[in-house]
Amino acid sequence: MIAGLGNRDLGIPSDNIHLSKPIRLDTALRATAVNPILLCTDPKVLEFIAAATSANTLRAYDSDLAHFLAWCGSIPVEPTIVARYLATHAEGLSMATLARRIVAIRRAHVLAGLPDPTKTELVRLTTRGIRRRHGRPQRRVAPLKIEQLAEIVSRLGRTTQDVRDRALLLVGFAGAFRRSELTAIDCKWIERREQGFVVTLPRSKTDQEGRGRDVADRRRGAARSGL
């Protein structure tokens, strides 16, 4: 099942169109070639299709495709239209956003069993030219230094909330966890050892298939840092 869009704030960049009136992918494809995915009625198959891509990724795809359809209005589309779309938005959108739009256009055609216009040399050269002329380094946020972290946790008290916050800050810093990984940690995934502890993450953003990974924190290193 192709997921639709919600109105929640999903952290999508401001150059995306507003999501209050989304264009669903299945709606965009209804007049195109026969799509075996959309015609599938087997509940087990549909269950695994839905699990193949995260809900947030599907929402991002739908948002990107909606922006493109609002500009050109149709799927399928000729490579010349895709190239013109990219050129039109080359100065207003970041290269990362344009790349995401290309993926959404490609996915819409692949799901419909249509030729992929983004694979043509015209679109490739247009994208390369935009990257050479308008490409810029991705903005990087300065990392929190260990001295700054020590200052933050030193100001926390002994209430239940303060103890919780201190634990989240220290564990998150020691394991370099993403926010989603940190909030999803369960006590049963934490193993205490002589020199510290090991946190097992059964799934994360970079491990969508659930292979799992262990993240170790050595108590001696933390002690030397004053934490």
N, C-alpha and C. Protein backbone atom coordinates (compact mmCIF):
# COMPACT_ATOMS: atom_id res chain seq x y z
N MET A 1 0.86 -1.19 0.00
CA MET A 1 0.00 0.00 0.00
C MET A 1 0.89 1.23 0.00
N ILE A 2 0.57 2.16 -0.89
CA ILE A 2 1.35 3.38 -0.96
C ILE A 2 0.80 4.35 0.06
N ALA A 3 1.64 4.79 1.00
CA ALA A 3 1.16 5.65 2.08
C ALA A 3 0.86 7.04 1.57
N GLY A 4 -0.15 7.67 2.15
CA GLY A 4 -0.49 9.05 1.82
C GLY A 4 0.27 10.00 2.70
N LEU A 5 -0.13 11.25 2.70
CA LEU A 5 0.58 12.28 3.44
C LEU A 5 -0.22 12.69 4.67
N GLY A 6 0.49 13.06 5.72
CA GLY A 6 -0.14 13.63 6.89
C GLY A 6 0.20 15.10 6.97
N ASN A 7 -0.32 15.78 7.98
CA ASN A 7 -0.06 17.20 8.15
C ASN A 7 0.96 17.48 9.23
N ARG A 8 1.56 16.43 9.79
CA ARG A 8 2.51 16.64 10.86
C ARG A 8 3.80 17.24 10.31
N ASP A 9 4.51 17.91 11.21
CA ASP A 9 5.81 18.46 10.83
C ASP A 9 6.81 17.33 10.78
N LEU A 10 7.31 17.02 9.59
CA LEU A 10 8.20 15.88 9.42
C LEU A 10 9.64 16.31 9.23
N GLY A 11 9.93 17.57 9.46
CA GLY A 11 11.30 18.03 9.30
C GLY A 11 11.71 18.17 7.86
N ILE A 12 10.72 18.27 6.95
CA ILE A 12 11.04 18.44 5.54
C ILE A 12 11.44 19.88 5.30
N PRO A 13 12.49 20.15 4.50
CA PRO A 13 12.98 21.51 4.30
C PRO A 13 11.89 22.46 3.84
N SER A 14 12.09 23.76 4.08
CA SER A 14 11.08 24.76 3.80
C SER A 14 10.82 24.94 2.31
N ASP A 15 11.70 24.43 1.44
CA ASP A 15 11.45 24.60 0.02
C ASP A 15 10.49 23.55 -0.53
N ASN A 16 9.95 22.68 0.33
CA ASN A 16 8.90 21.77 -0.07
C ASN A 16 7.57 22.49 0.00
N ILE A 17 6.62 22.09 -0.84
CA ILE A 17 5.31 22.71 -0.79
C ILE A 17 4.59 22.25 0.45
N HIS A 18 3.57 23.00 0.85
CA HIS A 18 2.82 22.67 2.06
C HIS A 18 2.10 21.34 1.85
N LEU A 19 2.02 20.56 2.91
CA LEU A 19 1.49 19.21 2.80
C LEU A 19 0.00 19.11 3.09
N SER A 20 -0.70 20.24 3.25
CA SER A 20 -2.11 20.16 3.61
C SER A 20 -2.97 19.65 2.46
N LYS A 21 -2.48 19.79 1.22
CA LYS A 21 -3.21 19.27 0.07
C LYS A 21 -2.29 18.36 -0.74
N PRO A 22 -1.96 17.17 -0.22
CA PRO A 22 -1.01 16.29 -0.89
C PRO A 22 -1.59 15.65 -2.14
N ILE A 23 -0.72 15.29 -3.05
CA ILE A 23 -1.10 14.51 -4.21
C ILE A 23 -0.56 13.10 -3.99
N ARG A 24 -1.43 12.16 -3.78
CA ARG A 24 -1.00 10.80 -3.50
C ARG A 24 -0.37 10.17 -4.73
N LEU A 25 0.61 9.33 -4.48
CA LEU A 25 1.31 8.67 -5.57
C LEU A 25 0.36 7.79 -6.37
N ASP A 26 -0.53 7.06 -5.69
CA ASP A 26 -1.45 6.19 -6.42
C ASP A 26 -2.41 7.00 -7.28
N THR A 27 -2.78 8.21 -6.83
CA THR A 27 -3.64 9.08 -7.64
C THR A 27 -2.90 9.57 -8.87
N ALA A 28 -1.64 9.91 -8.68
CA ALA A 28 -0.84 10.40 -9.81
C ALA A 28 -0.66 9.36 -10.88
N LEU A 29 -0.70 8.08 -10.48
CA LEU A 29 -0.42 7.00 -11.43
C LEU A 29 -1.67 6.34 -11.99
N ARG A 30 -2.85 6.78 -11.58
CA ARG A 30 -4.03 6.02 -11.92
C ARG A 30 -4.33 5.98 -13.42
N ALA A 31 -3.85 6.99 -14.17
CA ALA A 31 -4.12 7.03 -15.60
C ALA A 31 -2.96 6.50 -16.43
N THR A 32 -1.97 5.89 -15.79
CA THR A 32 -0.79 5.44 -16.51
C THR A 32 -0.88 3.95 -16.80
N ALA A 33 0.26 3.37 -17.18
CA ALA A 33 0.29 1.95 -17.51
C ALA A 33 -0.09 1.10 -16.30
N VAL A 34 -0.40 -0.16 -16.54
CA VAL A 34 -0.79 -1.08 -15.47
C VAL A 34 0.34 -1.19 -14.46
N ASN A 35 0.03 -0.97 -13.22
CA ASN A 35 1.01 -1.02 -12.14
C ASN A 35 0.75 -2.26 -11.30
N PRO A 36 1.61 -3.29 -11.38
CA PRO A 36 1.36 -4.52 -10.64
C PRO A 36 1.30 -4.33 -9.13
N ILE A 37 2.00 -3.32 -8.61
CA ILE A 37 1.96 -3.07 -7.17
C ILE A 37 0.60 -2.56 -6.75
N LEU A 38 0.08 -1.57 -7.50
CA LEU A 38 -1.22 -1.01 -7.15
C LEU A 38 -2.36 -1.99 -7.39
N LEU A 39 -2.16 -2.96 -8.29
CA LEU A 39 -3.20 -3.94 -8.57
C LEU A 39 -3.14 -5.14 -7.64
N CYS A 40 -2.06 -5.25 -6.88
CA CYS A 40 -1.89 -6.40 -5.99
C CYS A 40 -2.93 -6.37 -4.87
N THR A 41 -3.55 -7.51 -4.59
CA THR A 41 -4.55 -7.60 -3.53
C THR A 41 -4.16 -8.59 -2.44
N ASP A 42 -3.04 -9.27 -2.60
CA ASP A 42 -2.61 -10.24 -1.61
C ASP A 42 -2.19 -9.50 -0.33
N PRO A 43 -2.87 -9.71 0.80
CA PRO A 43 -2.57 -8.95 2.02
C PRO A 43 -1.16 -9.16 2.54
N LYS A 44 -0.61 -10.35 2.41
CA LYS A 44 0.75 -10.60 2.88
C LYS A 44 1.77 -9.85 2.02
N VAL A 45 1.56 -9.88 0.71
CA VAL A 45 2.46 -9.15 -0.18
C VAL A 45 2.39 -7.66 0.11
N LEU A 46 1.17 -7.14 0.27
CA LEU A 46 1.00 -5.72 0.57
C LEU A 46 1.66 -5.34 1.88
N GLU A 47 1.61 -6.25 2.85
CA GLU A 47 2.23 -5.99 4.15
C GLU A 47 3.73 -5.79 4.00
N PHE A 48 4.37 -6.66 3.19
CA PHE A 48 5.82 -6.54 3.02
C PHE A 48 6.18 -5.36 2.12
N ILE A 49 5.34 -5.03 1.17
CA ILE A 49 5.58 -3.85 0.34
C ILE A 49 5.58 -2.60 1.22
N ALA A 50 4.61 -2.55 2.14
CA ALA A 50 4.52 -1.40 3.04
C ALA A 50 5.73 -1.31 3.95
N ALA A 51 6.29 -2.47 4.32
CA ALA A 51 7.44 -2.48 5.23
C ALA A 51 8.76 -2.19 4.52
N ALA A 52 8.75 -2.19 3.19
CA ALA A 52 9.99 -2.02 2.44
C ALA A 52 10.57 -0.61 2.57
N THR A 53 9.71 0.37 2.81
CA THR A 53 10.15 1.76 2.90
C THR A 53 9.51 2.40 4.12
N SER A 54 10.30 3.18 4.86
CA SER A 54 9.78 3.81 6.07
C SER A 54 8.68 4.82 5.74
N ALA A 55 7.81 5.06 6.72
CA ALA A 55 6.71 6.00 6.53
C ALA A 55 7.22 7.41 6.23
N ASN A 56 8.28 7.84 6.93
CA ASN A 56 8.82 9.18 6.69
C ASN A 56 9.38 9.32 5.28
N THR A 57 10.02 8.25 4.79
CA THR A 57 10.56 8.30 3.43
C THR A 57 9.44 8.38 2.41
N LEU A 58 8.36 7.62 2.64
CA LEU A 58 7.22 7.68 1.73
C LEU A 58 6.59 9.08 1.72
N ARG A 59 6.50 9.70 2.88
CA ARG A 59 5.95 11.05 2.94
C ARG A 59 6.83 12.03 2.18
N ALA A 60 8.14 11.87 2.33
CA ALA A 60 9.07 12.74 1.61
C ALA A 60 8.93 12.54 0.10
N TYR A 61 8.82 11.28 -0.35
CA TYR A 61 8.63 11.00 -1.78
C TYR A 61 7.36 11.67 -2.29
N ASP A 62 6.26 11.53 -1.53
CA ASP A 62 5.00 12.11 -1.96
C ASP A 62 5.06 13.62 -2.02
N SER A 63 5.74 14.23 -1.05
CA SER A 63 5.89 15.68 -1.05
C SER A 63 6.70 16.15 -2.26
N ASP A 64 7.79 15.46 -2.55
CA ASP A 64 8.63 15.83 -3.68
C ASP A 64 7.89 15.65 -5.00
N LEU A 65 7.16 14.54 -5.13
CA LEU A 65 6.42 14.30 -6.36
C LEU A 65 5.30 15.33 -6.52
N ALA A 66 4.66 15.70 -5.41
CA ALA A 66 3.59 16.69 -5.47
C ALA A 66 4.12 18.03 -5.98
N HIS A 67 5.32 18.41 -5.56
CA HIS A 67 5.93 19.65 -6.05
C HIS A 67 6.15 19.58 -7.54
N PHE A 68 6.65 18.45 -8.01
CA PHE A 68 6.90 18.28 -9.44
C PHE A 68 5.60 18.29 -10.23
N LEU A 69 4.58 17.57 -9.76
CA LEU A 69 3.30 17.50 -10.46
C LEU A 69 2.59 18.85 -10.48
N ALA A 70 2.76 19.62 -9.42
CA ALA A 70 2.16 20.96 -9.41
C ALA A 70 2.80 21.85 -10.47
N TRP A 71 4.03 21.52 -10.84
CA TRP A 71 4.74 22.33 -11.85
C TRP A 71 4.44 21.84 -13.27
N CYS A 72 4.48 20.50 -13.47
CA CYS A 72 4.32 19.96 -14.83
C CYS A 72 2.97 19.26 -15.03
N GLY A 73 2.42 18.70 -13.95
CA GLY A 73 1.06 18.17 -14.01
C GLY A 73 0.84 16.77 -14.51
N SER A 74 1.89 16.00 -14.77
CA SER A 74 1.61 14.66 -15.31
C SER A 74 2.74 13.67 -15.06
N ILE A 75 2.32 12.42 -14.98
CA ILE A 75 3.20 11.25 -15.02
C ILE A 75 2.51 10.27 -15.97
N PRO A 76 3.16 9.78 -17.03
CA PRO A 76 4.59 9.91 -17.34
C PRO A 76 4.95 11.30 -17.87
N VAL A 77 6.27 11.53 -17.93
CA VAL A 77 6.75 12.82 -18.39
C VAL A 77 8.00 12.60 -19.25
N GLU A 78 8.20 13.48 -20.20
CA GLU A 78 9.35 13.38 -21.09
C GLU A 78 10.62 13.88 -20.39
N PRO A 79 11.78 13.34 -20.76
CA PRO A 79 13.04 13.80 -20.17
C PRO A 79 13.27 15.29 -20.33
N THR A 80 12.80 15.88 -21.44
CA THR A 80 12.99 17.31 -21.64
C THR A 80 12.26 18.13 -20.57
N ILE A 81 11.10 17.64 -20.11
CA ILE A 81 10.34 18.33 -19.08
C ILE A 81 11.06 18.24 -17.73
N VAL A 82 11.61 17.05 -17.45
CA VAL A 82 12.36 16.86 -16.21
C VAL A 82 13.57 17.79 -16.19
N ALA A 83 14.29 17.85 -17.31
CA ALA A 83 15.47 18.72 -17.39
C ALA A 83 15.07 20.19 -17.21
N ARG A 84 13.93 20.58 -17.80
CA ARG A 84 13.46 21.96 -17.68
C ARG A 84 13.06 22.26 -16.23
N TYR A 85 12.45 21.29 -15.58
CA TYR A 85 12.06 21.46 -14.17
C TYR A 85 13.30 21.69 -13.30
N LEU A 86 14.33 20.89 -13.50
CA LEU A 86 15.56 21.03 -12.74
C LEU A 86 16.21 22.39 -13.00
N ALA A 87 16.24 22.80 -14.27
CA ALA A 87 16.86 24.08 -14.61
C ALA A 87 16.08 25.24 -14.01
N THR A 88 14.76 25.12 -14.00
CA THR A 88 13.92 26.19 -13.46
C THR A 88 14.16 26.41 -11.98
N HIS A 89 14.41 25.31 -11.25
CA HIS A 89 14.57 25.40 -9.80
C HIS A 89 16.03 25.31 -9.34
N ALA A 90 16.96 25.42 -10.29
CA ALA A 90 18.38 25.24 -9.96
C ALA A 90 18.87 26.26 -8.94
N GLU A 91 18.38 27.49 -9.03
CA GLU A 91 18.85 28.53 -8.12
C GLU A 91 18.04 28.59 -6.82
N GLY A 92 16.80 28.15 -6.88
CA GLY A 92 15.95 28.26 -5.70
C GLY A 92 16.01 27.09 -4.75
N LEU A 93 16.37 25.90 -5.26
CA LEU A 93 16.42 24.70 -4.43
C LEU A 93 17.85 24.21 -4.29
N SER A 94 18.14 23.59 -3.16
CA SER A 94 19.48 23.04 -2.96
C SER A 94 19.67 21.80 -3.84
N MET A 95 20.92 21.44 -4.05
CA MET A 95 21.21 20.26 -4.86
C MET A 95 20.67 18.99 -4.20
N ALA A 96 20.71 18.94 -2.88
CA ALA A 96 20.18 17.77 -2.17
C ALA A 96 18.68 17.64 -2.40
N THR A 97 17.96 18.77 -2.41
CA THR A 97 16.52 18.73 -2.64
C THR A 97 16.22 18.32 -4.06
N LEU A 98 16.94 18.85 -5.02
CA LEU A 98 16.74 18.46 -6.42
C LEU A 98 17.02 16.97 -6.62
N ALA A 99 18.05 16.47 -5.97
CA ALA A 99 18.37 15.04 -6.09
C ALA A 99 17.23 14.20 -5.55
N ARG A 100 16.61 14.66 -4.46
CA ARG A 100 15.48 13.94 -3.89
C ARG A 100 14.28 13.98 -4.83
N ARG A 101 14.08 15.11 -5.50
CA ARG A 101 12.98 15.21 -6.46
C ARG A 101 13.18 14.23 -7.62
N ILE A 102 14.43 14.09 -8.05
CA ILE A 102 14.73 13.14 -9.13
C ILE A 102 14.38 11.73 -8.70
N VAL A 103 14.72 11.37 -7.46
CA VAL A 103 14.41 10.03 -6.95
C VAL A 103 12.89 9.81 -6.94
N ALA A 104 12.14 10.83 -6.52
CA ALA A 104 10.68 10.70 -6.47
C ALA A 104 10.09 10.52 -7.87
N ILE A 105 10.60 11.26 -8.84
CA ILE A 105 10.13 11.13 -10.23
C ILE A 105 10.47 9.75 -10.76
N ARG A 106 11.69 9.30 -10.49
CA ARG A 106 12.10 7.96 -10.93
C ARG A 106 11.20 6.89 -10.32
N ARG A 107 10.95 6.99 -9.03
CA ARG A 107 10.15 5.99 -8.34
C ARG A 107 8.72 5.93 -8.89
N ALA A 108 8.15 7.09 -9.19
CA ALA A 108 6.80 7.12 -9.74
C ALA A 108 6.72 6.37 -11.07
N HIS A 109 7.72 6.53 -11.90
CA HIS A 109 7.72 5.84 -13.19
C HIS A 109 7.98 4.35 -13.04
N VAL A 110 8.91 4.00 -12.15
CA VAL A 110 9.23 2.58 -11.95
C VAL A 110 8.01 1.83 -11.41
N LEU A 111 7.31 2.42 -10.44
CA LEU A 111 6.14 1.78 -9.86
C LEU A 111 5.04 1.58 -10.89
N ALA A 112 4.98 2.48 -11.87
CA ALA A 112 3.96 2.38 -12.91
C ALA A 112 4.39 1.53 -14.09
N GLY A 113 5.60 0.98 -14.03
CA GLY A 113 6.09 0.18 -15.15
C GLY A 113 6.41 1.01 -16.37
N LEU A 114 6.80 2.27 -16.15
CA LEU A 114 7.08 3.19 -17.24
C LEU A 114 8.58 3.41 -17.40
N PRO A 115 9.03 3.82 -18.59
CA PRO A 115 10.45 4.14 -18.78
C PRO A 115 10.86 5.28 -17.86
N ASP A 116 12.05 5.19 -17.30
CA ASP A 116 12.54 6.18 -16.35
C ASP A 116 13.18 7.35 -17.09
N PRO A 117 12.56 8.54 -17.08
CA PRO A 117 13.12 9.68 -17.80
C PRO A 117 14.37 10.25 -17.14
N THR A 118 14.59 9.95 -15.87
CA THR A 118 15.73 10.53 -15.16
C THR A 118 17.04 9.82 -15.51
N LYS A 119 16.95 8.68 -16.19
CA LYS A 119 18.16 7.94 -16.55
C LYS A 119 18.75 8.41 -17.88
N THR A 120 18.10 9.31 -18.56
CA THR A 120 18.59 9.77 -19.85
C THR A 120 19.80 10.68 -19.69
N GLU A 121 20.58 10.77 -20.75
CA GLU A 121 21.78 11.60 -20.71
C GLU A 121 21.43 13.07 -20.56
N LEU A 122 20.27 13.48 -21.10
CA LEU A 122 19.85 14.87 -20.98
C LEU A 122 19.68 15.27 -19.51
N VAL A 123 18.99 14.45 -18.75
CA VAL A 123 18.77 14.75 -17.33
C VAL A 123 20.07 14.64 -16.55
N ARG A 124 20.88 13.65 -16.88
CA ARG A 124 22.16 13.49 -16.18
C ARG A 124 23.06 14.70 -16.39
N LEU A 125 23.18 15.17 -17.63
CA LEU A 125 24.05 16.32 -17.91
C LEU A 125 23.49 17.58 -17.27
N THR A 126 22.17 17.74 -17.28
CA THR A 126 21.57 18.91 -16.64
C THR A 126 21.88 18.92 -15.15
N THR A 127 21.73 17.75 -14.52
CA THR A 127 22.01 17.64 -13.09
C THR A 127 23.48 17.93 -12.80
N ARG A 128 24.36 17.40 -13.64
CA ARG A 128 25.79 17.62 -13.44
C ARG A 128 26.14 19.10 -13.59
N GLY A 129 25.54 19.75 -14.57
CA GLY A 129 25.80 21.17 -14.77
C GLY A 129 25.31 22.01 -13.61
N ILE A 130 24.14 21.68 -13.07
CA ILE A 130 23.62 22.41 -11.91
C ILE A 130 24.54 22.23 -10.72
N ARG A 131 25.02 21.00 -10.55
CA ARG A 131 25.91 20.72 -9.41
C ARG A 131 27.21 21.51 -9.54
N ARG A 132 27.75 21.63 -10.77
CA ARG A 132 29.00 22.36 -10.96
C ARG A 132 28.81 23.87 -10.78
N ARG A 133 27.67 24.39 -11.21
CA ARG A 133 27.47 25.83 -11.15
C ARG A 133 26.89 26.30 -9.82
N HIS A 134 25.97 25.53 -9.26
CA HIS A 134 25.27 25.98 -8.07
C HIS A 134 25.55 25.13 -6.83
N GLY A 135 26.35 24.08 -7.00
CA GLY A 135 26.62 23.22 -5.85
C GLY A 135 27.38 23.97 -4.76
N ARG A 136 27.04 23.69 -3.53
CA ARG A 136 27.71 24.33 -2.39
C ARG A 136 27.83 23.32 -1.27
N PRO A 137 28.83 23.47 -0.43
CA PRO A 137 29.01 22.52 0.67
C PRO A 137 27.79 22.49 1.58
N GLN A 138 27.50 21.30 2.08
CA GLN A 138 26.39 21.17 3.01
C GLN A 138 26.71 21.87 4.33
N ARG A 139 25.72 22.58 4.87
CA ARG A 139 25.95 23.31 6.11
C ARG A 139 26.16 22.33 7.25
N ARG A 140 27.24 22.53 7.98
CA ARG A 140 27.57 21.63 9.09
C ARG A 140 27.40 22.38 10.42
N VAL A 141 26.79 21.71 11.35
CA VAL A 141 26.60 22.29 12.68
C VAL A 141 27.78 21.90 13.56
N ALA A 142 28.31 22.86 14.28
CA ALA A 142 29.46 22.59 15.15
C ALA A 142 29.07 21.57 16.22
N PRO A 143 29.91 20.56 16.46
CA PRO A 143 29.59 19.54 17.46
C PRO A 143 29.70 20.09 18.88
N LEU A 144 28.96 19.48 19.78
CA LEU A 144 29.04 19.83 21.19
C LEU A 144 30.36 19.29 21.76
N LYS A 145 31.14 20.15 22.39
CA LYS A 145 32.41 19.72 22.96
C LYS A 145 32.19 19.11 24.34
N ILE A 146 33.12 18.26 24.73
CA ILE A 146 32.96 17.54 25.99
C ILE A 146 32.96 18.50 27.18
N GLU A 147 33.70 19.61 27.08
CA GLU A 147 33.70 20.60 28.15
C GLU A 147 32.32 21.26 28.27
N GLN A 148 31.68 21.50 27.13
CA GLN A 148 30.34 22.08 27.14
C GLN A 148 29.33 21.10 27.74
N LEU A 149 29.48 19.82 27.39
CA LEU A 149 28.59 18.80 27.95
C LEU A 149 28.74 18.72 29.46
N ALA A 150 29.99 18.76 29.93
CA ALA A 150 30.24 18.70 31.37
C ALA A 150 29.58 19.88 32.09
N GLU A 151 29.63 21.06 31.47
CA GLU A 151 29.00 22.24 32.05
C GLU A 151 27.48 22.08 32.12
N ILE A 152 26.91 21.49 31.09
CA ILE A 152 25.45 21.30 31.04
C ILE A 152 25.00 20.33 32.13
N VAL A 153 25.65 19.16 32.22
CA VAL A 153 25.19 18.16 33.19
C VAL A 153 25.48 18.59 34.63
N SER A 154 26.48 19.45 34.82
CA SER A 154 26.79 19.91 36.18
C SER A 154 25.69 20.80 36.74
N ARG A 155 24.88 21.36 35.89
CA ARG A 155 23.80 22.25 36.32
C ARG A 155 22.50 21.50 36.61
N LEU A 156 22.48 20.21 36.30
CA LEU A 156 21.28 19.41 36.56
C LEU A 156 21.24 18.99 38.02
N GLY A 157 20.04 18.93 38.58
CA GLY A 157 19.89 18.56 39.98
C GLY A 157 19.74 17.06 40.19
N ARG A 158 18.97 16.70 41.21
CA ARG A 158 18.81 15.29 41.57
C ARG A 158 17.35 14.82 41.48
N THR A 159 16.52 15.60 40.83
CA THR A 159 15.15 15.16 40.63
C THR A 159 15.12 14.02 39.61
N THR A 160 14.00 13.33 39.53
CA THR A 160 13.87 12.23 38.58
C THR A 160 14.08 12.72 37.15
N GLN A 161 13.53 13.88 36.85
CA GLN A 161 13.69 14.43 35.51
C GLN A 161 15.14 14.79 35.22
N ASP A 162 15.82 15.37 36.21
CA ASP A 162 17.23 15.74 36.01
C ASP A 162 18.10 14.50 35.82
N VAL A 163 17.84 13.45 36.60
CA VAL A 163 18.61 12.21 36.45
C VAL A 163 18.38 11.61 35.07
N ARG A 164 17.12 11.65 34.63
CA ARG A 164 16.81 11.13 33.29
C ARG A 164 17.53 11.94 32.22
N ASP A 165 17.47 13.26 32.33
CA ASP A 165 18.10 14.11 31.32
C ASP A 165 19.61 13.91 31.30
N ARG A 166 20.20 13.79 32.49
CA ARG A 166 21.64 13.57 32.56
C ARG A 166 22.01 12.25 31.86
N ALA A 167 21.24 11.21 32.12
CA ALA A 167 21.50 9.91 31.51
C ALA A 167 21.37 9.98 29.98
N LEU A 168 20.34 10.65 29.50
CA LEU A 168 20.14 10.77 28.05
C LEU A 168 21.29 11.53 27.40
N LEU A 169 21.72 12.62 28.04
CA LEU A 169 22.82 13.41 27.49
C LEU A 169 24.12 12.63 27.46
N LEU A 170 24.45 11.97 28.56
CA LEU A 170 25.73 11.26 28.65
C LEU A 170 25.75 10.03 27.76
N VAL A 171 24.66 9.25 27.77
CA VAL A 171 24.61 8.06 26.93
C VAL A 171 24.59 8.45 25.46
N GLY A 172 23.82 9.49 25.13
CA GLY A 172 23.76 9.94 23.74
C GLY A 172 25.11 10.43 23.25
N PHE A 173 25.82 11.17 24.10
CA PHE A 173 27.14 11.68 23.72
C PHE A 173 28.15 10.54 23.59
N ALA A 174 28.16 9.63 24.57
CA ALA A 174 29.14 8.54 24.58
C ALA A 174 28.94 7.61 23.39
N GLY A 175 27.68 7.36 23.03
CA GLY A 175 27.42 6.43 21.93
C GLY A 175 27.22 7.08 20.59
N ALA A 176 27.24 8.44 20.55
CA ALA A 176 26.99 9.18 19.30
C ALA A 176 25.68 8.71 18.66
N PHE A 177 24.65 8.59 19.50
CA PHE A 177 23.37 8.09 19.02
C PHE A 177 22.57 9.20 18.33
N ARG A 178 21.82 8.83 17.32
CA ARG A 178 20.82 9.73 16.78
C ARG A 178 19.70 9.89 17.80
N ARG A 179 18.92 10.96 17.63
CA ARG A 179 17.82 11.20 18.56
C ARG A 179 16.84 10.02 18.57
N SER A 180 16.50 9.51 17.39
CA SER A 180 15.55 8.40 17.32
C SER A 180 16.12 7.14 17.97
N GLU A 181 17.43 6.93 17.84
CA GLU A 181 18.06 5.77 18.47
C GLU A 181 18.06 5.91 19.98
N LEU A 182 18.35 7.10 20.46
CA LEU A 182 18.45 7.33 21.89
C LEU A 182 17.10 7.14 22.58
N THR A 183 16.05 7.68 21.99
CA THR A 183 14.73 7.59 22.61
C THR A 183 14.14 6.19 22.51
N ALA A 184 14.70 5.36 21.62
CA ALA A 184 14.16 4.01 21.44
C ALA A 184 14.89 2.96 22.28
N ILE A 185 15.96 3.36 23.00
CA ILE A 185 16.73 2.39 23.79
C ILE A 185 15.87 1.79 24.89
N ASP A 186 15.91 0.48 24.99
CA ASP A 186 15.19 -0.25 26.04
C ASP A 186 16.21 -0.79 27.04
N CYS A 187 15.82 -0.85 28.31
CA CYS A 187 16.75 -1.34 29.33
C CYS A 187 17.29 -2.72 29.01
N LYS A 188 16.49 -3.55 28.37
CA LYS A 188 16.92 -4.91 28.08
C LYS A 188 18.03 -4.96 27.03
N TRP A 189 18.26 -3.84 26.35
CA TRP A 189 19.33 -3.79 25.34
C TRP A 189 20.65 -3.31 25.92
N ILE A 190 20.68 -3.02 27.23
CA ILE A 190 21.89 -2.51 27.87
C ILE A 190 22.55 -3.62 28.67
N GLU A 191 23.81 -3.88 28.38
CA GLU A 191 24.57 -4.93 29.08
C GLU A 191 25.71 -4.28 29.85
N ARG A 192 25.73 -4.44 31.14
CA ARG A 192 26.80 -3.89 31.97
C ARG A 192 28.02 -4.81 31.92
N ARG A 193 29.19 -4.20 31.78
CA ARG A 193 30.44 -4.96 31.75
C ARG A 193 31.42 -4.30 32.70
N GLU A 194 32.56 -4.95 32.90
CA GLU A 194 33.53 -4.48 33.89
C GLU A 194 34.02 -3.07 33.58
N GLN A 195 34.25 -2.77 32.31
CA GLN A 195 34.81 -1.48 31.94
C GLN A 195 33.75 -0.47 31.48
N GLY A 196 32.51 -0.80 31.56
CA GLY A 196 31.46 0.12 31.11
C GLY A 196 30.19 -0.63 30.75
N PHE A 197 29.59 -0.29 29.61
CA PHE A 197 28.39 -0.98 29.20
C PHE A 197 28.30 -1.00 27.68
N VAL A 198 27.46 -1.91 27.17
CA VAL A 198 27.24 -2.05 25.74
C VAL A 198 25.75 -1.90 25.48
N VAL A 199 25.40 -1.05 24.52
CA VAL A 199 24.01 -0.86 24.12
C VAL A 199 23.82 -1.53 22.76
N THR A 200 22.85 -2.42 22.67
CA THR A 200 22.54 -3.08 21.41
C THR A 200 21.36 -2.39 20.76
N LEU A 201 21.57 -1.90 19.54
CA LEU A 201 20.49 -1.28 18.78
C LEU A 201 19.96 -2.30 17.78
N PRO A 202 18.75 -2.80 17.98
CA PRO A 202 18.21 -3.79 17.05
C PRO A 202 17.89 -3.21 15.68
N ARG A 203 17.67 -1.90 15.61
CA ARG A 203 17.34 -1.26 14.34
C ARG A 203 17.65 0.22 14.43
N SER A 204 18.05 0.83 13.31
CA SER A 204 18.32 2.26 13.29
C SER A 204 18.14 2.77 11.86
N LYS A 205 18.32 4.08 11.69
CA LYS A 205 18.14 4.68 10.36
C LYS A 205 19.07 4.07 9.33
N THR A 206 20.29 3.73 9.74
CA THR A 206 21.26 3.14 8.82
C THR A 206 21.21 1.61 8.84
N ASP A 207 20.26 1.05 9.57
CA ASP A 207 20.10 -0.41 9.65
C ASP A 207 18.61 -0.73 9.55
N GLN A 208 18.03 -0.44 8.38
CA GLN A 208 16.61 -0.63 8.19
C GLN A 208 16.19 -2.09 8.19
N GLU A 209 17.14 -3.00 7.94
CA GLU A 209 16.79 -4.42 7.88
C GLU A 209 16.96 -5.11 9.22
N GLY A 210 17.33 -4.37 10.26
CA GLY A 210 17.37 -4.92 11.60
C GLY A 210 18.47 -5.92 11.86
N ARG A 211 19.65 -5.71 11.28
CA ARG A 211 20.77 -6.61 11.56
C ARG A 211 21.30 -6.39 12.98
N GLY A 212 21.14 -5.16 13.49
CA GLY A 212 21.57 -4.85 14.85
C GLY A 212 23.04 -4.47 14.90
N ARG A 213 23.38 -3.63 15.89
CA ARG A 213 24.78 -3.28 16.11
C ARG A 213 24.98 -2.94 17.58
N ASP A 214 26.19 -3.20 18.07
CA ASP A 214 26.54 -2.94 19.46
C ASP A 214 27.36 -1.67 19.55
N VAL A 215 27.02 -0.84 20.54
CA VAL A 215 27.76 0.40 20.79
C VAL A 215 28.29 0.34 22.21
N ALA A 216 29.61 0.39 22.37
CA ALA A 216 30.24 0.25 23.68
C ALA A 216 30.61 1.62 24.24
N ASP A 217 30.45 1.77 25.56
CA ASP A 217 30.90 2.96 26.27
C ASP A 217 31.80 2.52 27.41
N ARG A 218 33.04 2.99 27.40
CA ARG A 218 34.00 2.60 28.44
C ARG A 218 34.00 3.62 29.56
N ARG A 219 33.75 3.16 30.76
CA ARG A 219 33.61 4.03 31.91
C ARG A 219 34.91 4.76 32.21
N ARG A 220 36.04 4.12 31.96
CA ARG A 220 37.33 4.75 32.28
C ARG A 220 37.53 6.00 31.43
N GLY A 221 37.15 5.91 30.13
CA GLY A 221 37.30 7.07 29.25
C GLY A 221 36.43 8.21 29.71
N ALA A 222 35.21 7.90 30.17
CA ALA A 222 34.32 8.95 30.63
C ALA A 222 34.87 9.59 31.89
N ALA A 223 35.45 8.79 32.77
CA ALA A 223 36.00 9.30 34.02
C ALA A 223 37.15 10.26 33.75
N ARG A 224 38.00 9.93 32.79
CA ARG A 224 39.11 10.81 32.47
C ARG A 224 38.63 12.15 31.93
N SER A 225 37.44 12.14 31.33
CA SER A 225 36.90 13.36 30.75
C SER A 225 36.17 14.20 31.77
N GLY A 226 36.08 13.74 33.01
CA GLY A 226 35.41 14.50 34.04
C GLY A 226 33.92 14.30 34.07
N LEU A 227 33.40 13.31 33.35
CA LEU A 227 31.97 13.05 33.33
C LEU A 227 31.61 11.84 34.18
